[in-house]
Amino acid sequence: MAFQLSGRELDTMKKENLLISVKFENGTLNDEWAVHTKVMTDLFENWSTPQIEAILLSLLGETQSEVAVKLGVSQAAVHQRLKSAKYYLVQLIMNRYKQIF
């Protein structure tokens, strides 16, 4: 089933210019995640390299202070990168994913 869903979803991703997608057998979940994947695609397209570095380290569990040390910038700079990248939306979507699974 996963193979069948993934093949169809790859076609949809190309057609809708999506950079990420999630597909389930459950139609209600698909409707919800269709919105999330569009939001994530929009975010991804607008992130700069410094924002991506801060986001990656944050997703790996680093604090803003730890990220700042690793990137050689101030904690305020990390905060600004995450804020301007709308990292809070990523956190909301990740939290929603955790609630469902």
Protein backbone atom coordinates (compact mmCIF):
# COMPACT_ATOMS: atom_id res chain seq x y z
CA MET A 1 0.00 0.00 0.00
CA ALA A 2 2.81 2.43 0.85
CA PHE A 3 4.34 1.86 -2.58
CA GLN A 4 1.04 2.59 -4.33
CA LEU A 5 0.38 5.71 -2.25
CA SER A 6 3.90 7.03 -2.77
CA GLY A 7 3.76 6.65 -6.55
CA ARG A 8 0.51 8.56 -6.84
CA GLU A 9 1.71 11.18 -4.40
CA LEU A 10 4.90 11.82 -6.37
CA ASP A 11 2.74 12.63 -9.37
CA THR A 12 0.67 15.00 -7.24
CA MET A 13 3.80 16.65 -5.84
CA LYS A 14 5.08 17.37 -9.34
CA LYS A 15 1.71 18.68 -10.49
CA GLU A 16 1.27 20.97 -7.45
CA ASN A 17 4.96 21.95 -7.10
CA LEU A 18 5.23 20.53 -3.57
CA LEU A 19 8.58 19.96 -1.90
CA ILE A 20 7.20 17.69 0.81
CA SER A 21 4.17 15.47 1.15
CA VAL A 22 2.58 12.96 3.50
CA LYS A 23 -0.02 10.44 2.38
CA PHE A 24 -2.24 8.12 4.42
CA GLU A 25 -4.90 5.55 3.67
CA ASN A 26 -7.25 7.68 5.80
CA GLY A 27 -8.91 10.40 3.70
CA THR A 28 -9.50 12.75 6.63
CA LEU A 29 -5.80 12.70 7.52
CA ASN A 30 -4.93 13.32 3.87
CA ASP A 31 -7.10 16.44 3.81
CA GLU A 32 -5.42 17.79 6.95
CA TRP A 33 -1.89 17.01 5.79
CA ALA A 34 -2.53 18.46 2.34
CA VAL A 35 -2.78 21.84 4.06
CA HIS A 36 0.35 21.23 6.16
CA THR A 37 2.45 20.20 3.16
CA LYS A 38 1.46 23.34 1.27
CA VAL A 39 2.46 25.49 4.24
CA MET A 40 5.76 23.63 4.58
CA THR A 41 6.52 23.97 0.86
CA ASP A 42 5.92 27.71 1.04
CA LEU A 43 8.21 27.99 4.05
CA PHE A 44 10.97 25.87 2.49
CA GLU A 45 11.01 27.97 -0.67
CA ASN A 46 11.67 31.14 1.30
CA TRP A 47 14.29 29.98 3.82
CA SER A 48 17.85 31.25 3.59
CA THR A 49 20.87 29.09 4.35
CA PRO A 50 21.43 30.74 7.78
CA GLN A 51 17.77 30.11 8.64
CA ILE A 52 18.03 26.48 7.56
CA GLU A 53 21.11 25.98 9.74
CA ALA A 54 19.30 27.38 12.78
CA ILE A 55 16.17 25.35 12.05
CA LEU A 56 18.06 22.10 11.60
CA LEU A 57 19.91 22.45 14.88
CA SER A 58 16.69 23.45 16.63
CA LEU A 59 14.90 20.40 15.23
CA LEU A 60 17.75 18.28 16.56
CA GLY A 61 16.99 19.57 20.06
CA GLU A 62 19.57 22.31 20.46
CA THR A 63 18.63 25.43 22.45
CA GLN A 64 19.00 28.83 20.85
CA SER A 65 22.11 29.42 22.96
CA GLU A 66 23.64 26.12 21.81
CA VAL A 67 22.78 26.90 18.20
CA ALA A 68 24.40 30.32 18.57
CA VAL A 69 27.64 28.80 19.82
CA LYS A 70 27.72 26.22 17.01
CA LEU A 71 27.04 28.85 14.35
CA GLY A 72 29.30 31.48 15.88
CA VAL A 73 26.55 34.07 16.21
CA SER A 74 24.61 35.63 19.07
CA GLN A 75 21.54 34.03 20.60
CA ALA A 76 19.58 37.07 19.40
CA ALA A 77 20.69 36.34 15.82
CA VAL A 78 19.47 32.75 16.14
CA HIS A 79 16.17 33.98 17.55
CA GLN A 80 15.77 36.39 14.63
CA ARG A 81 16.57 33.67 12.08
CA LEU A 82 13.96 31.36 13.58
CA LYS A 83 11.39 34.14 13.85
CA SER A 84 11.85 35.36 10.29
CA ALA A 85 11.69 31.76 9.02
CA LYS A 86 8.36 31.32 10.86
CA TYR A 87 9.79 28.37 12.75
CA TYR A 88 6.76 28.45 15.05
CA LEU A 89 4.70 27.08 12.14
CA VAL A 90 7.08 24.14 11.82
CA GLN A 91 6.70 23.52 15.55
CA LEU A 92 2.90 23.64 15.28
CA ILE A 93 2.89 21.14 12.44
CA MET A 94 5.38 18.86 14.21
CA ASN A 95 3.28 18.96 17.38
CA ARG A 96 0.19 18.10 15.38
CA TYR A 97 2.00 15.14 13.83
CA LYS A 98 3.00 13.93 17.30
CA GLN A 99 -0.61 14.22 18.51
CA ILE A 100 -1.87 12.02 15.71
CA PHE A 101 0.87 9.42 16.02
